[in-house]
Amino acid sequence: MLTHLLKIVSLATAITIANPAWSYDAAMAQSYANLFAPVEGAQAGKAMHLMKPDAFVKKVAEKQPLVVLDVRTPAETAVYSATLPDTLVIPLNELFTEANLARIPTDKTVVVLCKSGTRAAAAGTALRHIGFDNVYILKGGFKALAGYMGPKEANTPPAQQAKPQPAPQPKSTWPAPPHSSGRYPTPVPYPPRPTW
């Protein structure tokens, strides 16, 4: 009986060693190999569709058609969120339902973001993998955007083409008061303060 039990255990061990208990999906692995084939060298970020905060701000300032896809949790988006037109707020755990995928446009640039860029990278890569080639990832997420967007960047209009300068206005022929340059009218003094 002991010999029979040892034969069964030996056979089970041999089968387990010969055939691994897990395997991977070869077709899925090949599809990822195709997705990441262009990701190498200095152009890796571009190939992965990473968008730096300055490029994102430039697109917004130039009013290029884009959709922001915020994949943070409802608790996070309740505190602060993107306020740009066409912003979609879909938590990552709900993103890949048929109804939510149907909300993502294919005719505009879609920029996926989260707090630090980690979830956005996962979501953006997965969306591109299933066919959304118009999806980009905001590199560094809201943290990088907040680090980039100081008052100067927030209030600087996009570079515009040089406009012709208007001809200078002739100075007035009226005599200028002694403390005025003659170009602008003399300011009117404030009325006296009432004494109560």
Protein backbone atom coordinates (compact mmCIF):
# COMPACT_ATOMS: atom_id res chain seq x y z
CA MET A 1 0.00 0.00 0.00
CA LEU A 2 2.84 2.37 0.87
CA THR A 3 4.50 1.60 -2.47
CA HIS A 4 1.26 2.37 -4.30
CA LEU A 5 0.92 5.71 -2.44
CA LEU A 6 4.51 6.64 -3.25
CA LYS A 7 3.90 5.92 -6.94
CA ILE A 8 0.83 8.20 -6.95
CA VAL A 9 2.68 11.02 -5.17
CA SER A 10 5.66 10.66 -7.54
CA LEU A 11 3.38 10.72 -10.57
CA ALA A 12 1.50 13.79 -9.27
CA THR A 13 4.79 15.58 -8.58
CA ALA A 14 6.11 14.77 -12.06
CA ILE A 15 2.92 16.08 -13.70
CA THR A 16 3.01 19.27 -11.63
CA ILE A 17 6.65 19.95 -12.50
CA ALA A 18 6.19 19.12 -16.18
CA ASN A 19 3.09 21.33 -16.59
CA PRO A 20 3.21 24.66 -14.81
CA ALA A 21 0.12 25.51 -12.81
CA TRP A 22 -0.27 28.89 -14.55
CA SER A 23 0.11 30.17 -18.04
CA TYR A 24 -0.25 33.52 -19.71
CA ASP A 25 -2.42 34.58 -22.61
CA ALA A 26 -0.01 34.51 -25.56
CA ALA A 27 -2.33 36.52 -27.82
CA MET A 28 -2.68 39.22 -25.16
CA ALA A 29 1.08 39.30 -24.64
CA GLN A 30 1.61 39.74 -28.38
CA SER A 31 -0.90 42.59 -28.50
CA TYR A 32 1.00 44.37 -25.71
CA ALA A 33 4.27 43.71 -27.52
CA ASN A 34 2.78 45.49 -30.56
CA LEU A 35 1.50 48.37 -28.39
CA PHE A 36 4.89 48.95 -26.74
CA ALA A 37 7.10 48.25 -29.78
CA PRO A 38 7.67 51.97 -30.53
CA VAL A 39 8.50 52.74 -26.88
CA GLU A 40 12.26 53.12 -26.83
CA GLY A 41 14.95 55.71 -26.47
CA ALA A 42 14.40 59.44 -26.21
CA GLN A 43 10.96 59.20 -27.85
CA ALA A 44 9.55 56.72 -25.30
CA GLY A 45 7.31 59.29 -23.60
CA LYS A 46 5.91 60.45 -26.91
CA ALA A 47 5.27 56.87 -28.01
CA MET A 48 3.41 56.20 -24.77
CA HIS A 49 1.27 59.32 -25.41
CA LEU A 50 2.53 61.19 -22.34
CA MET A 51 1.67 64.89 -22.38
CA LYS A 52 3.66 67.32 -20.25
CA PRO A 53 1.77 69.98 -18.27
CA ASP A 54 3.10 72.85 -20.44
CA ALA A 55 1.82 71.15 -23.61
CA PHE A 56 -1.57 70.57 -21.95
CA VAL A 57 -1.83 74.22 -20.85
CA LYS A 58 -0.86 75.35 -24.35
CA LYS A 59 -3.61 73.23 -25.92
CA VAL A 60 -6.16 74.62 -23.46
CA ALA A 61 -5.02 78.22 -24.03
CA GLU A 62 -5.19 77.77 -27.80
CA LYS A 63 -8.70 76.33 -27.39
CA GLN A 64 -7.79 73.14 -29.23
CA PRO A 65 -10.61 70.58 -29.07
CA LEU A 66 -9.84 68.22 -26.22
CA VAL A 67 -11.64 66.26 -23.55
CA VAL A 68 -10.26 65.84 -20.03
CA LEU A 69 -10.94 62.43 -18.50
CA ASP A 70 -10.53 62.51 -14.71
CA VAL A 71 -10.24 58.94 -13.36
CA ARG A 72 -9.98 59.79 -9.65
CA THR A 73 -12.43 58.57 -7.03
CA PRO A 74 -15.65 60.45 -6.20
CA ALA A 75 -14.14 61.43 -2.83
CA GLU A 76 -11.21 63.08 -4.63
CA THR A 77 -13.30 64.83 -7.27
CA ALA A 78 -15.63 66.19 -4.57
CA VAL A 79 -12.73 68.30 -3.26
CA TYR A 80 -11.44 69.63 -6.60
CA SER A 81 -11.89 68.74 -10.24
CA ALA A 82 -11.14 69.95 -13.74
CA THR A 83 -13.56 72.65 -14.83
CA LEU A 84 -12.79 72.70 -18.53
CA PRO A 85 -15.64 72.21 -21.00
CA ASP A 86 -16.19 68.57 -22.05
CA THR A 87 -14.57 67.21 -18.87
CA LEU A 88 -15.56 63.62 -18.09
CA VAL A 89 -15.31 62.37 -14.51
CA ILE A 90 -15.31 58.57 -14.54
CA PRO A 91 -13.60 56.71 -11.68
CA LEU A 92 -11.07 54.14 -12.87
CA ASN A 93 -13.04 51.23 -11.40
CA GLU A 94 -16.05 52.24 -13.56
CA LEU A 95 -14.21 53.28 -16.72
CA PHE A 96 -14.34 50.05 -18.71
CA THR A 97 -18.08 49.52 -18.72
CA GLU A 98 -19.78 49.66 -22.11
CA ALA A 99 -21.79 52.76 -21.16
CA ASN A 100 -18.75 54.73 -19.98
CA LEU A 101 -16.57 53.71 -22.92
CA ALA A 102 -19.32 55.00 -25.20
CA ARG A 103 -18.98 58.44 -23.53
CA ILE A 104 -15.34 58.81 -24.62
CA PRO A 105 -15.09 60.61 -27.97
CA THR A 106 -12.86 59.33 -30.75
CA ASP A 107 -12.76 62.57 -32.76
CA LYS A 108 -10.99 64.75 -30.15
CA THR A 109 -7.82 64.46 -28.12
CA VAL A 110 -8.62 62.86 -24.76
CA VAL A 111 -6.27 63.69 -21.87
CA VAL A 112 -6.50 61.27 -18.94
CA LEU A 113 -5.49 62.58 -15.54
CA CYS A 114 -5.49 61.68 -11.88
CA LYS A 115 -3.67 63.01 -8.82
CA SER A 116 -0.13 61.86 -9.67
CA GLY A 117 -0.42 60.23 -13.09
CA THR A 118 -0.22 56.59 -12.00
CA ARG A 119 -3.89 55.71 -12.49
CA ALA A 120 -4.02 57.88 -15.61
CA ALA A 121 -1.09 55.93 -17.07
CA ALA A 122 -2.85 52.63 -16.43
CA ALA A 123 -6.17 53.90 -17.80
CA GLY A 124 -4.62 55.61 -20.82
CA THR A 125 -2.53 52.57 -21.74
CA ALA A 126 -5.53 50.28 -21.43
CA LEU A 127 -7.74 52.62 -23.47
CA ARG A 128 -5.13 52.79 -26.22
CA HIS A 129 -4.83 49.01 -26.07
CA ILE A 130 -8.53 48.59 -26.82
CA GLY A 131 -8.46 51.04 -29.72
CA PHE A 132 -8.64 54.63 -28.41
CA ASP A 133 -5.63 55.99 -30.30
CA ASN A 134 -6.60 59.59 -29.45
CA VAL A 135 -5.88 59.13 -25.72
CA TYR A 136 -2.98 60.91 -24.00
CA ILE A 137 -1.84 60.84 -20.37
CA LEU A 138 -1.11 64.01 -18.40
CA LYS A 139 2.39 63.26 -17.11
CA GLY A 140 2.47 63.73 -13.34
CA GLY A 141 -1.27 64.37 -13.07
CA PHE A 142 -2.78 67.23 -11.07
CA LYS A 143 0.38 67.41 -8.93
CA ALA A 144 2.57 68.23 -11.94
CA LEU A 145 -0.05 70.59 -13.35
CA ALA A 146 -0.24 72.50 -10.05
CA GLY A 147 3.56 72.62 -9.92
CA TYR A 148 3.69 74.07 -13.41
CA MET A 149 0.75 76.47 -13.16
CA GLY A 150 1.91 79.49 -11.22
CA PRO A 151 0.24 82.90 -11.53
CA LYS A 152 2.50 83.83 -14.45
CA GLU A 153 1.52 80.78 -16.54
CA ALA A 154 -2.15 81.04 -15.60
CA ASN A 155 -2.38 84.67 -16.73
CA THR A 156 -0.18 84.66 -19.82
CA PRO A 157 -2.18 84.50 -23.06
CA PRO A 158 -0.98 82.11 -25.76
CA ALA A 159 1.57 83.44 -28.21
CA GLN A 160 -0.26 85.25 -30.95
CA GLN A 161 0.84 86.38 -34.36
CA ALA A 162 2.26 89.89 -34.47
CA LYS A 163 -0.53 92.38 -34.96
CA PRO A 164 0.07 95.67 -36.73
CA GLN A 165 0.54 98.47 -34.21
CA PRO A 166 -1.96 101.34 -34.45
CA ALA A 167 -0.58 104.69 -35.48
CA PRO A 168 0.31 106.86 -32.50
CA GLN A 169 -2.36 109.36 -31.56
CA PRO A 170 -1.36 112.97 -32.01
CA LYS A 171 -0.92 114.92 -28.81
CA SER A 172 -3.59 117.38 -27.91
CA THR A 173 -3.17 120.98 -28.99
CA TRP A 174 -4.67 122.13 -25.71
CA PRO A 175 -2.14 123.40 -23.25
CA ALA A 176 -1.21 120.74 -20.72
CA PRO A 177 -1.34 121.46 -17.02
CA PRO A 178 2.13 121.78 -15.48
CA HIS A 179 2.04 118.33 -13.78
CA SER A 180 0.67 116.44 -16.85
CA SER A 181 2.46 114.98 -19.84
CA GLY A 182 -0.28 116.27 -22.12
CA ARG A 183 -1.24 112.81 -23.32
CA TYR A 184 -3.78 111.92 -20.66
CA PRO A 185 -6.33 114.17 -18.99
CA THR A 186 -5.50 115.49 -15.57
CA PRO A 187 -7.06 113.31 -12.88
CA VAL A 188 -9.92 114.82 -10.97
CA PRO A 189 -9.21 115.10 -7.23
CA TYR A 190 -11.36 113.12 -4.84
CA PRO A 191 -14.11 115.09 -3.13
CA PRO A 192 -13.35 116.12 0.44
CA ARG A 193 -14.22 113.62 3.16
CA PRO A 194 -17.30 114.40 5.15
CA THR A 195 -16.75 115.29 8.77
CA TRP A 196 -19.33 113.69 10.98
